[in-house]
Structure formats: structure tokens, C-alpha cells
Protein backbone atom coordinates (compact mmCIF):
# COMPACT_ATOMS: atom_id res chain seq x y z
CA MET A 1 -11.41 20.67 -20.40
CA ARG A 2 -14.45 21.01 -18.23
CA THR A 3 -16.77 23.92 -19.08
CA THR A 4 -20.24 24.82 -17.94
CA LEU A 5 -22.55 26.01 -20.71
CA ASP A 6 -26.15 27.16 -20.82
CA LEU A 7 -27.43 25.58 -24.04
CA ASP A 8 -30.85 25.80 -25.60
CA GLU A 9 -32.58 22.48 -24.93
CA GLN A 10 -34.24 22.32 -28.36
CA LEU A 11 -30.93 23.00 -30.12
CA MET A 12 -29.27 20.28 -28.09
CA LYS A 13 -32.01 17.78 -28.97
CA GLU A 14 -31.71 18.71 -32.65
CA LEU A 15 -27.93 18.37 -32.50
CA LEU A 16 -28.14 14.94 -30.93
CA LYS A 17 -30.67 13.91 -33.57
CA VAL A 18 -28.71 15.12 -36.62
CA THR A 19 -25.33 13.90 -35.41
CA ALA A 20 -26.60 10.56 -34.07
CA ALA A 21 -24.08 11.05 -31.26
CA LYS A 22 -24.52 8.96 -28.14
CA THR A 23 -23.58 11.73 -25.73
CA LYS A 24 -23.96 15.49 -25.57
CA THR A 25 -20.18 15.84 -25.38
CA ALA A 26 -19.71 13.81 -28.57
CA ALA A 27 -22.39 15.83 -30.35
CA ILE A 28 -20.78 19.12 -29.35
CA HIS A 29 -17.34 17.88 -30.45
CA LEU A 30 -18.78 16.92 -33.84
CA ALA A 31 -20.51 20.28 -34.20
CA ILE A 32 -17.38 22.23 -33.27
CA SER A 33 -15.25 20.19 -35.66
CA ALA A 34 -17.75 20.70 -38.48
CA LEU A 35 -17.85 24.45 -37.87
CA ILE A 36 -14.06 24.73 -37.84
CA ARG A 37 -13.80 22.69 -41.04
CA ARG A 38 -16.45 24.81 -42.78
CA GLN A 39 -14.72 28.06 -41.76
CA ARG A 40 -11.36 26.79 -43.02
CA LEU A 41 -12.93 25.79 -46.33
CA GLU A 42 -14.51 29.24 -46.67
CA ARG A 43 -11.12 30.87 -46.09
CA LEU A 44 -9.59 28.56 -48.67
CA LYS A 45 -12.34 29.39 -51.17
CA SER A 46 -11.73 33.10 -50.63
CA LEU A 47 -8.19 32.58 -51.98
CA SER A 48 -9.55 31.32 -55.30
CA GLY A 49 -7.86 33.18 -58.13
CA GLN A 50 -5.48 34.98 -55.79
CA ILE A 51 -2.68 32.43 -55.70
CA CYS A 52 -1.00 30.37 -58.40
CA ILE A 53 -0.27 26.74 -57.59
CA ASP A 54 2.13 24.81 -59.82
CA LEU A 55 0.45 21.44 -60.23
CA ASN A 56 3.27 20.01 -62.37
CA TRP A 57 4.92 18.10 -59.52
CA LYS A 58 7.60 16.57 -61.74
CA ARG A 59 8.88 19.97 -62.81
CA ARG A 60 8.66 21.21 -59.22
CA GLU A 61 10.58 18.17 -57.96
CA LYS A 62 13.32 18.71 -60.56
CA THR A 63 13.60 22.38 -59.58
CA GLU A 64 13.78 21.44 -55.90
CA ARG A 65 16.56 18.87 -56.53
CA GLU A 66 18.58 21.43 -58.47
CA HIS A 67 18.13 23.95 -55.68
CA GLN A 68 19.25 21.40 -53.08
CA LYS A 69 22.36 20.58 -55.16
CA ARG A 70 23.28 24.27 -55.32
CA LEU A 71 22.80 24.62 -51.57
CA THR A 72 24.90 21.52 -50.88
CA ARG A 73 27.70 22.76 -53.14
CA SER A 74 27.75 26.21 -51.54
CA TRP A 75 27.64 24.73 -48.03
CA HIS A 76 30.54 22.35 -48.71
CA GLY A 77 32.54 25.25 -50.12
CA HIS A 78 32.40 27.09 -46.76
CA ARG A 79 34.12 24.42 -44.68
């Protein structure tokens, strides 16, 4: 998407320097991606202690299989 921007020349030079990008477009894409990633990580960090994640994948897999069996049995019973 083509967009016209009025960017600070010093900021652009600094961005090109720190990203080692070959073009201004590449540097801006890197900067935008980095900002989005950082914001997503901050949102994820803000959830710390607020959600409970079951890291025992074997138990979770067993529970999921049992649930699928129950669903399959109830679905076949409605034919």
C-alpha cells in the first residue's frame, strides 16, 4: 500500500543505521513489526497470574480424547 509520510530525517537515518536495512521501506517494515511484537508481548505479560494454563499435555490429551468419544457416541445416537 502506497502512503506518503513526513518523517523526521534524523529518525530515519537512525532507523536505517540500527536496522541495517537496505531501503527505507524495509527499515519501516522492521520497525513496525518490532513495535507490534513488543505490544503483543506486553499484553501477554499483563495476563500473568490472571489465567491458569494446564501444562500437563498428556492429561489434557487424554481428557480431549474422552470428550471426543462422548461427542461421537452422542452424535451417532441421533441418526
